[in-house]
Amino acid sequence: MNKGEMVDQLAARANLTKKDARAVVDALFDPENGVISEALRKGERVGITGFGTFEVRERGERMARNPRTGEQMRVPASKTPAFRAGKALKERMS
């Protein structure tokens, strides 16, 4: 499902116009100004009971190998967004 399909589904299920549904999807998921991304930038976790948790995970510095040259290289520490599915979502997938 892409963003357009998500907007269509949300509009149909919540009895919204497509314009309003797109605004809701953008407000939640926009990487620059979305509710989720802003909370993650502040170091907060976003937990949606039954669905899952969005959080920032820190990856330590490590050594890796360039597959083209075989040369060892240092990969600096970084932060990355992560999602962990909730119990109810996991159970629905079975």
C-alpha atoms as a PDB file:
ATOM      1  CA  MET A   1       0.000   0.000   0.000  1.00  0.00           C
ATOM      2  CA  ASN A   2       1.367   3.385  -0.953  1.00  0.00           C
ATOM      3  CA  LYS A   3       0.446   6.800   0.432  1.00  0.00           C
ATOM      4  CA  GLY A   4      -2.338   7.398  -2.089  1.00  0.00           C
ATOM      5  CA  GLU A   5      -3.942   4.042  -1.324  1.00  0.00           C
ATOM      6  CA  MET A   6      -3.677   4.761   2.395  1.00  0.00           C
ATOM      7  CA  VAL A   7      -5.437   8.106   1.889  1.00  0.00           C
ATOM      8  CA  ASP A   8      -8.204   6.378  -0.080  1.00  0.00           C
ATOM      9  CA  GLN A   9      -8.693   3.720   2.626  1.00  0.00           C
ATOM     10  CA  LEU A  10      -8.699   6.300   5.432  1.00  0.00           C
ATOM     11  CA  ALA A  11     -11.193   8.509   3.587  1.00  0.00           C
ATOM     12  CA  ALA A  12     -13.539   5.571   3.047  1.00  0.00           C
ATOM     13  CA  ARG A  13     -13.293   4.141   6.587  1.00  0.00           C
ATOM     14  CA  ALA A  14     -13.439   7.424   8.515  1.00  0.00           C
ATOM     15  CA  ASN A  15     -15.975   9.119   6.221  1.00  0.00           C
ATOM     16  CA  LEU A  16     -13.540  11.912   5.354  1.00  0.00           C
ATOM     17  CA  THR A  17     -12.849  13.727   2.134  1.00  0.00           C
ATOM     18  CA  LYS A  18      -9.664  12.675   0.385  1.00  0.00           C
ATOM     19  CA  LYS A  19      -8.248  16.137   1.085  1.00  0.00           C
ATOM     20  CA  ASP A  20      -8.864  15.736   4.832  1.00  0.00           C
ATOM     21  CA  ALA A  21      -7.541  12.175   4.828  1.00  0.00           C
ATOM     22  CA  ARG A  22      -4.343  13.320   3.061  1.00  0.00           C
ATOM     23  CA  ALA A  23      -3.908  16.051   5.682  1.00  0.00           C
ATOM     24  CA  VAL A  24      -4.185  13.448   8.457  1.00  0.00           C
ATOM     25  CA  VAL A  25      -1.660  11.107   6.807  1.00  0.00           C
ATOM     26  CA  ASP A  26       0.725  14.018   6.219  1.00  0.00           C
ATOM     27  CA  ALA A  27       0.342  15.230   9.810  1.00  0.00           C
ATOM     28  CA  LEU A  28       1.338  11.806  11.119  1.00  0.00           C
ATOM     29  CA  PHE A  29       3.963  10.566   8.686  1.00  0.00           C
ATOM     30  CA  ASP A  30       5.628  13.597   7.057  1.00  0.00           C
ATOM     31  CA  PRO A  31       9.404  13.183   7.543  1.00  0.00           C
ATOM     32  CA  GLU A  32       9.944  16.926   8.101  1.00  0.00           C
ATOM     33  CA  ASN A  33       6.960  18.075  10.163  1.00  0.00           C
ATOM     34  CA  GLY A  34       5.022  14.921  11.014  1.00  0.00           C
ATOM     35  CA  VAL A  35       3.970  14.139  14.569  1.00  0.00           C
ATOM     36  CA  ILE A  36       5.984  10.905  14.638  1.00  0.00           C
ATOM     37  CA  SER A  37       9.201  12.348  13.184  1.00  0.00           C
ATOM     38  CA  GLU A  38       9.109  15.397  15.476  1.00  0.00           C
ATOM     39  CA  ALA A  39       8.737  13.189  18.549  1.00  0.00           C
ATOM     40  CA  LEU A  40      11.627  10.979  17.397  1.00  0.00           C
ATOM     41  CA  ARG A  41      13.844  14.029  16.825  1.00  0.00           C
ATOM     42  CA  LYS A  42      13.152  15.056  20.433  1.00  0.00           C
ATOM     43  CA  GLY A  43      14.269  11.605  21.589  1.00  0.00           C
ATOM     44  CA  GLU A  44      10.757  10.495  22.519  1.00  0.00           C
ATOM     45  CA  ARG A  45       9.196   7.110  21.812  1.00  0.00           C
ATOM     46  CA  VAL A  46       5.846   6.960  20.043  1.00  0.00           C
ATOM     47  CA  GLY A  47       3.784   4.031  21.286  1.00  0.00           C
ATOM     48  CA  ILE A  48       0.442   3.059  19.785  1.00  0.00           C
ATOM     49  CA  THR A  49      -1.105   0.391  22.004  1.00  0.00           C
ATOM     50  CA  GLY A  50      -1.634  -2.855  20.124  1.00  0.00           C
ATOM     51  CA  PHE A  51       0.039  -1.545  16.967  1.00  0.00           C
ATOM     52  CA  GLY A  52       3.648  -0.870  17.920  1.00  0.00           C
ATOM     53  CA  THR A  53       6.350   1.542  18.974  1.00  0.00           C
ATOM     54  CA  PHE A  54       8.486   3.953  16.963  1.00  0.00           C
ATOM     55  CA  GLU A  55      11.828   4.812  18.561  1.00  0.00           C
ATOM     56  CA  VAL A  56      15.337   6.009  17.765  1.00  0.00           C
ATOM     57  CA  ARG A  57      18.092   3.442  18.100  1.00  0.00           C
ATOM     58  CA  GLU A  58      21.755   4.279  18.349  1.00  0.00           C
ATOM     59  CA  ARG A  59      24.192   2.278  16.295  1.00  0.00           C
ATOM     60  CA  GLY A  60      27.743   2.213  17.527  1.00  0.00           C
ATOM     61  CA  GLU A  61      30.837   2.807  15.469  1.00  0.00           C
ATOM     62  CA  ARG A  62      31.981  -0.343  13.682  1.00  0.00           C
ATOM     63  CA  MET A  63      34.350  -1.689  11.108  1.00  0.00           C
ATOM     64  CA  ALA A  64      32.997  -2.880   7.762  1.00  0.00           C
ATOM     65  CA  ARG A  65      34.427  -4.157   4.516  1.00  0.00           C
ATOM     66  CA  ASN A  66      33.973  -2.431   1.177  1.00  0.00           C
ATOM     67  CA  PRO A  67      32.572  -5.240  -1.004  1.00  0.00           C
ATOM     68  CA  ARG A  68      34.116  -3.817  -4.176  1.00  0.00           C
ATOM     69  CA  THR A  69      37.704  -3.405  -2.933  1.00  0.00           C
ATOM     70  CA  GLY A  70      37.788  -5.601   0.168  1.00  0.00           C
ATOM     71  CA  GLU A  71      39.237  -2.652   2.101  1.00  0.00           C
ATOM     72  CA  GLN A  72      38.366  -2.290   5.796  1.00  0.00           C
ATOM     73  CA  MET A  73      36.598   0.953   6.624  1.00  0.00           C
ATOM     74  CA  ARG A  74      35.202   2.633   9.713  1.00  0.00           C
ATOM     75  CA  VAL A  75      31.456   3.250   9.820  1.00  0.00           C
ATOM     76  CA  PRO A  76      30.703   6.102  12.247  1.00  0.00           C
ATOM     77  CA  ALA A  77      28.092   5.879  14.991  1.00  0.00           C
ATOM     78  CA  SER A  78      24.608   6.926  13.925  1.00  0.00           C
ATOM     79  CA  LYS A  79      21.013   7.143  15.023  1.00  0.00           C
ATOM     80  CA  THR A  80      18.268   5.425  13.069  1.00  0.00           C
ATOM     81  CA  PRO A  81      14.477   5.246  13.395  1.00  0.00           C
ATOM     82  CA  ALA A  82      13.059   1.833  14.251  1.00  0.00           C
ATOM     83  CA  PHE A  83       9.646   0.251  14.607  1.00  0.00           C
ATOM     84  CA  ARG A  84       8.758  -2.640  16.905  1.00  0.00           C
ATOM     85  CA  ALA A  85       5.387  -4.276  16.270  1.00  0.00           C
ATOM     86  CA  GLY A  86       2.987  -4.618  19.194  1.00  0.00           C
ATOM     87  CA  LYS A  87       1.562  -7.895  20.454  1.00  0.00           C
ATOM     88  CA  ALA A  88      -1.864  -7.479  18.826  1.00  0.00           C
ATOM     89  CA  LEU A  89      -0.329  -6.684  15.429  1.00  0.00           C
ATOM     90  CA  LYS A  90       2.008  -9.662  15.650  1.00  0.00           C
ATOM     91  CA  GLU A  91      -0.879 -11.953  16.547  1.00  0.00           C
ATOM     92  CA  ARG A  92      -2.904 -10.696  13.547  1.00  0.00           C
ATOM     93  CA  MET A  93      -0.065 -11.651  11.197  1.00  0.00           C
ATOM     94  CA  SER A  94      -0.187 -15.320  12.215  1.00  0.00           C
END
